Amino acid sequence: MITALFLCFPAYVMVQVVAVWRLRSGWRWASLVPLLPMIFVVAATVKAYNQQSNLWPLLLLFSSPVALLYVLAIFGLNLLLRRN
């Protein structure tokens, strides 16, 4: 379970890059919604790591699955509505 949480952030980054590359117009803007909060999450994570906090990855671990699921849902909706 914890390994899946650790893999969500790299998966989110890859899916976000593919979403920006593949999606068009409103779909692209919709896929960019979690990007701004994730930038702040990464900044907070780096700050906590630099302060040698032992809880530094927690915010990243709990927010990246939500962002990943959101971008995957945008991809799924786009695919579903494009086929119809």
PDB file of N, CA and C in Angstrom:
ATOM      1  N   MET A   1       0.808  -1.193   0.000  1.00  0.00           N
ATOM      2  CA  MET A   1       0.000   0.000   0.000  1.00  0.00           C
ATOM      3  C   MET A   1       0.855   1.263   0.000  1.00  0.00           C
ATOM      4  N   ILE A   2       1.865   1.286   0.860  1.00  0.00           N
ATOM      5  CA  ILE A   2       2.703   2.479   0.947  1.00  0.00           C
ATOM      6  C   ILE A   2       3.530   2.644  -0.328  1.00  0.00           C
ATOM      7  N   THR A   3       3.899   1.547  -0.976  1.00  0.00           N
ATOM      8  CA  THR A   3       4.635   1.638  -2.233  1.00  0.00           C
ATOM      9  C   THR A   3       3.762   2.279  -3.310  1.00  0.00           C
ATOM     10  N   ALA A   4       2.489   1.954  -3.327  1.00  0.00           N
ATOM     11  CA  ALA A   4       1.576   2.568  -4.293  1.00  0.00           C
ATOM     12  C   ALA A   4       1.474   4.066  -4.066  1.00  0.00           C
ATOM     13  N   LEU A   5       1.485   4.490  -2.804  1.00  0.00           N
ATOM     14  CA  LEU A   5       1.458   5.921  -2.516  1.00  0.00           C
ATOM     15  C   LEU A   5       2.721   6.613  -3.012  1.00  0.00           C
ATOM     16  N   PHE A   6       3.861   5.958  -2.839  1.00  0.00           N
ATOM     17  CA  PHE A   6       5.110   6.541  -3.304  1.00  0.00           C
ATOM     18  C   PHE A   6       5.169   6.623  -4.828  1.00  0.00           C
ATOM     19  N   LEU A   7       4.510   5.725  -5.518  1.00  0.00           N
ATOM     20  CA  LEU A   7       4.531   5.729  -6.981  1.00  0.00           C
ATOM     21  C   LEU A   7       3.501   6.672  -7.587  1.00  0.00           C
ATOM     22  N   CYS A   8       2.587   7.185  -6.796  1.00  0.00           N
ATOM     23  CA  CYS A   8       1.563   8.076  -7.336  1.00  0.00           C
ATOM     24  C   CYS A   8       2.131   9.398  -7.819  1.00  0.00           C
ATOM     25  N   PHE A   9       3.136   9.948  -7.146  1.00  0.00           N
ATOM     26  CA  PHE A   9       3.670  11.230  -7.585  1.00  0.00           C
ATOM     27  C   PHE A   9       4.376  11.124  -8.931  1.00  0.00           C
ATOM     28  N   PRO A  10       5.295  10.160  -9.137  1.00  0.00           N
ATOM     29  CA  PRO A  10       5.889  10.052 -10.475  1.00  0.00           C
ATOM     30  C   PRO A  10       4.850   9.741 -11.550  1.00  0.00           C
ATOM     31  N   ALA A  11       3.853   8.927 -11.206  1.00  0.00           N
ATOM     32  CA  ALA A  11       2.788   8.631 -12.168  1.00  0.00           C
ATOM     33  C   ALA A  11       1.992   9.887 -12.483  1.00  0.00           C
ATOM     34  N   TYR A  12       1.716  10.707 -11.462  1.00  0.00           N
ATOM     35  CA  TYR A  12       0.997  11.956 -11.696  1.00  0.00           C
ATOM     36  C   TYR A  12       1.781  12.868 -12.631  1.00  0.00           C
ATOM     37  N   VAL A  13       3.076  12.994 -12.410  1.00  0.00           N
ATOM     38  CA  VAL A  13       3.894  13.870 -13.256  1.00  0.00           C
ATOM     39  C   VAL A  13       3.855  13.397 -14.704  1.00  0.00           C
ATOM     40  N   MET A  14       4.000  12.093 -14.919  1.00  0.00           N
ATOM     41  CA  MET A  14       3.973  11.563 -16.287  1.00  0.00           C
ATOM     42  C   MET A  14       2.607  11.774 -16.937  1.00  0.00           C
ATOM     43  N   VAL A  15       1.535  11.495 -16.201  1.00  0.00           N
ATOM     44  CA  VAL A  15       0.185  11.649 -16.758  1.00  0.00           C
ATOM     45  C   VAL A  15      -0.108  13.125 -17.027  1.00  0.00           C
ATOM     46  N   GLN A  16       0.372  14.010 -16.168  1.00  0.00           N
ATOM     47  CA  GLN A  16       0.148  15.445 -16.375  1.00  0.00           C
ATOM     48  C   GLN A  16       0.850  15.931 -17.640  1.00  0.00           C
ATOM     49  N   VAL A  17       2.067  15.473 -17.865  1.00  0.00           N
ATOM     50  CA  VAL A  17       2.797  15.863 -19.076  1.00  0.00           C
ATOM     51  C   VAL A  17       2.086  15.333 -20.320  1.00  0.00           C
ATOM     52  N   VAL A  18       1.649  14.098 -20.283  1.00  0.00           N
ATOM     53  CA  VAL A  18       0.935  13.522 -21.424  1.00  0.00           C
ATOM     54  C   VAL A  18      -0.390  14.253 -21.648  1.00  0.00           C
ATOM     55  N   ALA A  19      -1.060  14.631 -20.571  1.00  0.00           N
ATOM     56  CA  ALA A  19      -2.336  15.346 -20.704  1.00  0.00           C
ATOM     57  C   ALA A  19      -2.139  16.699 -21.377  1.00  0.00           C
ATOM     58  N   VAL A  20      -1.111  17.413 -20.997  1.00  0.00           N
ATOM     59  CA  VAL A  20      -0.853  18.710 -21.625  1.00  0.00           C
ATOM     60  C   VAL A  20      -0.491  18.522 -23.090  1.00  0.00           C
ATOM     61  N   TRP A  21       0.195  17.451 -23.389  1.00  0.00           N
ATOM     62  CA  TRP A  21       0.629  17.199 -24.763  1.00  0.00           C
ATOM     63  C   TRP A  21      -0.514  16.718 -25.653  1.00  0.00           C
ATOM     64  N   ARG A  22      -1.394  15.863 -25.115  1.00  0.00           N
ATOM     65  CA  ARG A  22      -2.413  15.216 -25.944  1.00  0.00           C
ATOM     66  C   ARG A  22      -3.765  15.917 -25.978  1.00  0.00           C
ATOM     67  N   LEU A  23      -4.178  16.525 -24.884  1.00  0.00           N
ATOM     68  CA  LEU A  23      -5.509  17.119 -24.822  1.00  0.00           C
ATOM     69  C   LEU A  23      -5.516  18.495 -25.465  1.00  0.00           C
ATOM     70  N   ARG A  24      -6.681  18.924 -25.915  1.00  0.00           N
ATOM     71  CA  ARG A  24      -6.833  20.206 -26.596  1.00  0.00           C
ATOM     72  C   ARG A  24      -7.867  21.070 -25.889  1.00  0.00           C
ATOM     73  N   SER A  25      -7.777  22.353 -26.074  1.00  0.00           N
ATOM     74  CA  SER A  25      -8.709  23.404 -25.643  1.00  0.00           C
ATOM     75  C   SER A  25      -9.126  23.263 -24.181  1.00  0.00           C
ATOM     76  N   GLY A  26     -10.413  23.169 -23.925  1.00  0.00           N
ATOM     77  CA  GLY A  26     -10.926  23.123 -22.564  1.00  0.00           C
ATOM     78  C   GLY A  26     -10.466  21.916 -21.773  1.00  0.00           C
ATOM     79  N   TRP A  27     -10.270  20.814 -22.456  1.00  0.00           N
ATOM     80  CA  TRP A  27      -9.785  19.607 -21.782  1.00  0.00           C
ATOM     81  C   TRP A  27      -8.387  19.828 -21.218  1.00  0.00           C
ATOM     82  N   ARG A  28      -7.549  20.530 -21.966  1.00  0.00           N
ATOM     83  CA  ARG A  28      -6.194  20.813 -21.479  1.00  0.00           C
ATOM     84  C   ARG A  28      -6.262  21.695 -20.239  1.00  0.00           C
ATOM     85  N   TRP A  29      -7.113  22.724 -20.283  1.00  0.00           N
ATOM     86  CA  TRP A  29      -7.238  23.604 -19.119  1.00  0.00           C
ATOM     87  C   TRP A  29      -7.792  22.838 -17.924  1.00  0.00           C
ATOM     88  N   ALA A  30      -8.722  21.947 -18.164  1.00  0.00           N
ATOM     89  CA  ALA A  30      -9.273  21.144 -17.066  1.00  0.00           C
ATOM     90  C   ALA A  30      -8.214  20.227 -16.462  1.00  0.00           C
ATOM     91  N   SER A  31      -7.321  19.720 -17.297  1.00  0.00           N
ATOM     92  CA  SER A  31      -6.275  18.835 -16.776  1.00  0.00           C
ATOM     93  C   SER A  31      -5.218  19.605 -15.994  1.00  0.00           C
ATOM     94  N   LEU A  32      -5.137  20.919 -16.185  1.00  0.00           N
ATOM     95  CA  LEU A  32      -4.146  21.729 -15.482  1.00  0.00           C
ATOM     96  C   LEU A  32      -4.607  22.189 -14.095  1.00  0.00           C
ATOM     97  N   VAL A  33      -5.841  21.899 -13.733  1.00  0.00           N
ATOM     98  CA  VAL A  33      -6.382  22.344 -12.443  1.00  0.00           C
ATOM     99  C   VAL A  33      -5.529  21.889 -11.256  1.00  0.00           C
ATOM    100  N   PRO A  34      -5.099  20.641 -11.164  1.00  0.00           N
ATOM    101  CA  PRO A  34      -4.321  20.256  -9.975  1.00  0.00           C
ATOM    102  C   PRO A  34      -2.848  20.685 -10.024  1.00  0.00           C
ATOM    103  N   LEU A  35      -2.420  21.292 -11.107  1.00  0.00           N
ATOM    104  CA  LEU A  35      -1.002  21.639 -11.232  1.00  0.00           C
ATOM    105  C   LEU A  35      -0.577  22.704 -10.221  1.00  0.00           C
ATOM    106  N   LEU A  36      -1.339  23.765 -10.074  1.00  0.00           N
ATOM    107  CA  LEU A  36      -0.970  24.835  -9.146  1.00  0.00           C
ATOM    108  C   LEU A  36      -0.910  24.344  -7.694  1.00  0.00           C
ATOM    109  N   PRO A  37      -1.916  23.630  -7.195  1.00  0.00           N
ATOM    110  CA  PRO A  37      -1.779  23.118  -5.822  1.00  0.00           C
ATOM    111  C   PRO A  37      -0.601  22.152  -5.669  1.00  0.00           C
ATOM    112  N   MET A  38      -0.331  21.359  -6.689  1.00  0.00           N
ATOM    113  CA  MET A  38       0.786  20.413  -6.588  1.00  0.00           C
ATOM    114  C   MET A  38       2.134  21.138  -6.571  1.00  0.00           C
ATOM    115  N   ILE A  39       2.224  22.291  -7.227  1.00  0.00           N
ATOM    116  CA  ILE A  39       3.461  23.071  -7.148  1.00  0.00           C
ATOM    117  C   ILE A  39       3.702  23.517  -5.705  1.00  0.00           C
ATOM    118  N   PHE A  40       2.652  23.964  -5.028  1.00  0.00           N
ATOM    119  CA  PHE A  40       2.780  24.356  -3.630  1.00  0.00           C
ATOM    120  C   PHE A  40       3.080  23.153  -2.735  1.00  0.00           C
ATOM    121  N   VAL A  41       2.509  22.014  -3.043  1.00  0.00           N
ATOM    122  CA  VAL A  41       2.776  20.804  -2.265  1.00  0.00           C
ATOM    123  C   VAL A  41       4.245  20.395  -2.404  1.00  0.00           C
ATOM    124  N   VAL A  42       4.762  20.437  -3.617  1.00  0.00           N
ATOM    125  CA  VAL A  42       6.173  20.086  -3.829  1.00  0.00           C
ATOM    126  C   VAL A  42       7.075  21.092  -3.118  1.00  0.00           C
ATOM    127  N   ALA A  43       6.729  22.364  -3.173  1.00  0.00           N
ATOM    128  CA  ALA A  43       7.530  23.377  -2.477  1.00  0.00           C
ATOM    129  C   ALA A  43       7.524  23.140  -0.967  1.00  0.00           C
ATOM    130  N   ALA A  44       6.370  22.812  -0.412  1.00  0.00           N
ATOM    131  CA  ALA A  44       6.282  22.522   1.021  1.00  0.00           C
ATOM    132  C   ALA A  44       7.053  21.256   1.375  1.00  0.00           C
ATOM    133  N   THR A  45       7.024  20.276   0.488  1.00  0.00           N
ATOM    134  CA  THR A  45       7.750  19.037   0.721  1.00  0.00           C
ATOM    135  C   THR A  45       9.253  19.281   0.723  1.00  0.00           C
ATOM    136  N   VAL A  46       9.726  20.058  -0.235  1.00  0.00           N
ATOM    137  CA  VAL A  46      11.157  20.375  -0.304  1.00  0.00           C
ATOM    138  C   VAL A  46      11.580  21.178   0.924  1.00  0.00           C
ATOM    139  N   LYS A  47      10.740  22.117   1.341  1.00  0.00           N
ATOM    140  CA  LYS A  47      11.050  22.916   2.530  1.00  0.00           C
ATOM    141  C   LYS A  47      11.129  22.026   3.772  1.00  0.00           C
ATOM    142  N   ALA A  48      10.181  21.122   3.917  1.00  0.00           N
ATOM    143  CA  ALA A  48      10.191  20.220   5.072  1.00  0.00           C
ATOM    144  C   ALA A  48      11.408  19.292   5.038  1.00  0.00           C
ATOM    145  N   TYR A  49      11.781  18.845   3.851  1.00  0.00           N
ATOM    146  CA  TYR A  49      12.975  17.994   3.729  1.00  0.00           C
ATOM    147  C   TYR A  49      14.228  18.763   4.116  1.00  0.00           C
ATOM    148  N   ASN A  50      14.328  20.018   3.660  1.00  0.00           N
ATOM    149  CA  ASN A  50      15.495  20.838   3.986  1.00  0.00           C
ATOM    150  C   ASN A  50      15.575  21.162   5.474  1.00  0.00           C
ATOM    151  N   GLN A  51      14.433  21.188   6.142  1.00  0.00           N
ATOM    152  CA  GLN A  51      14.411  21.420   7.584  1.00  0.00           C
ATOM    153  C   GLN A  51      14.592  20.117   8.362  1.00  0.00           C
ATOM    154  N   GLN A  52      14.855  19.052   7.662  1.00  0.00           N
ATOM    155  CA  GLN A  52      15.106  17.718   8.220  1.00  0.00           C
ATOM    156  C   GLN A  52      13.935  17.195   9.050  1.00  0.00           C
ATOM    157  N   SER A  53      12.730  17.482   8.576  1.00  0.00           N
ATOM    158  CA  SER A  53      11.538  16.956   9.223  1.00  0.00           C
ATOM    159  C   SER A  53      11.390  15.485   8.858  1.00  0.00           C
ATOM    160  N   ASN A  54      10.995  14.680   9.816  1.00  0.00           N
ATOM    161  CA  ASN A  54      10.811  13.265   9.507  1.00  0.00           C
ATOM    162  C   ASN A  54       9.452  12.992   8.854  1.00  0.00           C
ATOM    163  N   LEU A  55       8.598  14.008   8.771  1.00  0.00           N
ATOM    164  CA  LEU A  55       7.288  13.860   8.142  1.00  0.00           C
ATOM    165  C   LEU A  55       7.231  14.550   6.782  1.00  0.00           C
ATOM    166  N   TRP A  56       8.373  14.812   6.177  1.00  0.00           N
ATOM    167  CA  TRP A  56       8.412  15.612   4.955  1.00  0.00           C
ATOM    168  C   TRP A  56       7.617  15.038   3.795  1.00  0.00           C
ATOM    169  N   PRO A  57       7.479  13.736   3.603  1.00  0.00           N
ATOM    170  CA  PRO A  57       6.743  13.288   2.408  1.00  0.00           C
ATOM    171  C   PRO A  57       5.233  13.172   2.586  1.00  0.00           C
ATOM    172  N   LEU A  58       4.706  13.416   3.773  1.00  0.00           N
ATOM    173  CA  LEU A  58       3.293  13.136   4.027  1.00  0.00           C
ATOM    174  C   LEU A  58       2.343  13.928   3.135  1.00  0.00           C
ATOM    175  N   LEU A  59       2.556  15.210   3.006  1.00  0.00           N
ATOM    176  CA  LEU A  59       1.665  16.024   2.187  1.00  0.00           C
ATOM    177  C   LEU A  59       1.690  15.565   0.736  1.00  0.00           C
ATOM    178  N   LEU A  60       2.870  15.240   0.257  1.00  0.00           N
ATOM    179  CA  LEU A  60       3.004  14.754  -1.123  1.00  0.00           C
ATOM    180  C   LEU A  60       2.348  13.385  -1.294  1.00  0.00           C
ATOM    181  N   LEU A  61       2.500  12.526  -0.296  1.00  0.00           N
ATOM    182  CA  LEU A  61       1.922  11.183  -0.369  1.00  0.00           C
ATOM    183  C   LEU A  61       0.397  11.200  -0.383  1.00  0.00           C
ATOM    184  N   PHE A  62      -0.207  12.144   0.327  1.00  0.00           N
ATOM    185  CA  PHE A  62      -1.660  12.170   0.418  1.00  0.00           C
ATOM    186  C   PHE A  62      -2.321  12.999  -0.676  1.00  0.00           C
ATOM    187  N   SER A  63      -1.596  13.919  -1.286  1.00  0.00           N
ATOM    188  CA  SER A  63      -2.205  14.756  -2.317  1.00  0.00           C
ATOM    189  C   SER A  63      -1.977  14.223  -3.731  1.00  0.00           C
ATOM    190  N   SER A  64      -0.899  13.517  -3.976  1.00  0.00           N
ATOM    191  CA  SER A  64      -0.627  13.045  -5.341  1.00  0.00           C
ATOM    192  C   SER A  64      -1.630  12.001  -5.836  1.00  0.00           C
ATOM    193  N   PRO A  65      -2.157  11.092  -5.024  1.00  0.00           N
ATOM    194  CA  PRO A  65      -3.191  10.187  -5.567  1.00  0.00           C
ATOM    195  C   PRO A  65      -4.448  10.921  -6.007  1.00  0.00           C
ATOM    196  N   VAL A  66      -4.826  11.966  -5.294  1.00  0.00           N
ATOM    197  CA  VAL A  66      -6.011  12.737  -5.662  1.00  0.00           C
ATOM    198  C   VAL A  66      -5.778  13.441  -7.000  1.00  0.00           C
ATOM    199  N   ALA A  67      -4.614  14.057  -7.150  1.00  0.00           N
ATOM    200  CA  ALA A  67      -4.294  14.748  -8.405  1.00  0.00           C
ATOM    201  C   ALA A  67      -4.216  13.758  -9.563  1.00  0.00           C
ATOM    202  N   LEU A  68      -3.628  12.592  -9.312  1.00  0.00           N
ATOM    203  CA  LEU A  68      -3.523  11.564 -10.350  1.00  0.00           C
ATOM    204  C   LEU A  68      -4.908  11.089 -10.784  1.00  0.00           C
ATOM    205  N   LEU A  69      -5.774  10.818  -9.837  1.00  0.00           N
ATOM    206  CA  LEU A  69      -7.119  10.363 -10.173  1.00  0.00           C
ATOM    207  C   LEU A  69      -7.893  11.428 -10.938  1.00  0.00           C
ATOM    208  N   TYR A  70      -7.692  12.693 -10.586  1.00  0.00           N
ATOM    209  CA  TYR A  70      -8.378  13.778 -11.287  1.00  0.00           C
ATOM    210  C   TYR A  70      -7.963  13.832 -12.752  1.00  0.00           C
ATOM    211  N   VAL A  71      -6.662  13.796 -13.002  1.00  0.00           N
ATOM    212  CA  VAL A  71      -6.186  13.880 -14.396  1.00  0.00           C
ATOM    213  C   VAL A  71      -6.604  12.635 -15.173  1.00  0.00           C
ATOM    214  N   LEU A  72      -6.575  11.471 -14.545  1.00  0.00           N
ATOM    215  CA  LEU A  72      -7.046  10.264 -15.219  1.00  0.00           C
ATOM    216  C   LEU A  72      -8.542  10.349 -15.528  1.00  0.00           C
ATOM    217  N   ALA A  73      -9.311  10.960 -14.631  1.00  0.00           N
ATOM    218  CA  ALA A  73     -10.746  11.132 -14.884  1.00  0.00           C
ATOM    219  C   ALA A  73     -10.981  12.071 -16.064  1.00  0.00           C
ATOM    220  N   ILE A  74     -10.175  13.117 -16.178  1.00  0.00           N
ATOM    221  CA  ILE A  74     -10.290  14.025 -17.324  1.00  0.00           C
ATOM    222  C   ILE A  74      -9.981  13.271 -18.614  1.00  0.00           C
ATOM    223  N   PHE A  75      -8.936  12.451 -18.588  1.00  0.00           N
ATOM    224  CA  PHE A  75      -8.612  11.624 -19.764  1.00  0.00           C
ATOM    225  C   PHE A  75      -9.771  10.698 -20.108  1.00  0.00           C
ATOM    226  N   GLY A  76     -10.329  10.047 -19.098  1.00  0.00           N
ATOM    227  CA  GLY A  76     -11.428   9.123 -19.334  1.00  0.00           C
ATOM    228  C   GLY A  76     -12.663   9.810 -19.886  1.00  0.00           C
ATOM    229  N   LEU A  77     -13.021  10.953 -19.331  1.00  0.00           N
ATOM    230  CA  LEU A  77     -14.162  11.704 -19.848  1.00  0.00           C
ATOM    231  C   LEU A  77     -13.936  12.161 -21.290  1.00  0.00           C
ATOM    232  N   ASN A  78     -12.733  12.616 -21.552  1.00  0.00           N
ATOM    233  CA  ASN A  78     -12.408  13.048 -22.901  1.00  0.00           C
ATOM    234  C   ASN A  78     -12.553  11.884 -23.886  1.00  0.00           C
ATOM    235  N   LEU A  79     -12.020  10.741 -23.524  1.00  0.00           N
ATOM    236  CA  LEU A  79     -12.115   9.554 -24.392  1.00  0.00           C
ATOM    237  C   LEU A  79     -13.564   9.118 -24.569  1.00  0.00           C
ATOM    238  N   LEU A  80     -14.325   9.118 -23.491  1.00  0.00           N
ATOM    239  CA  LEU A  80     -15.723   8.693 -23.543  1.00  0.00           C
ATOM    240  C   LEU A  80     -16.559   9.626 -24.427  1.00  0.00           C
ATOM    241  N   LEU A  81     -16.389  10.918 -24.264  1.00  0.00           N
ATOM    242  CA  LEU A  81     -17.188  11.868 -25.030  1.00  0.00           C
ATOM    243  C   LEU A  81     -16.712  11.982 -26.472  1.00  0.00           C
ATOM    244  N   ARG A  82     -15.452  11.693 -26.728  1.00  0.00           N
ATOM    245  CA  ARG A  82     -14.951  11.746 -28.106  1.00  0.00           C
ATOM    246  C   ARG A  82     -15.452  10.564 -28.912  1.00  0.00           C
ATOM    247  N   ARG A  83     -15.665   9.428 -28.277  1.00  0.00           N
ATOM    248  CA  ARG A  83     -16.146   8.232 -28.988  1.00  0.00           C
ATOM    249  C   ARG A  83     -17.613   8.318 -29.332  1.00  0.00           C
ATOM    250  N   ASN A  84     -18.365   9.082 -28.558  1.00  0.00           N
ATOM    251  CA  ASN A  84     -19.821   9.191 -28.811  1.00  0.00           C
ATOM    252  C   ASN A  84     -20.091  10.197 -29.823  1.00  0.00           C
TER     253      ASN A  84
END
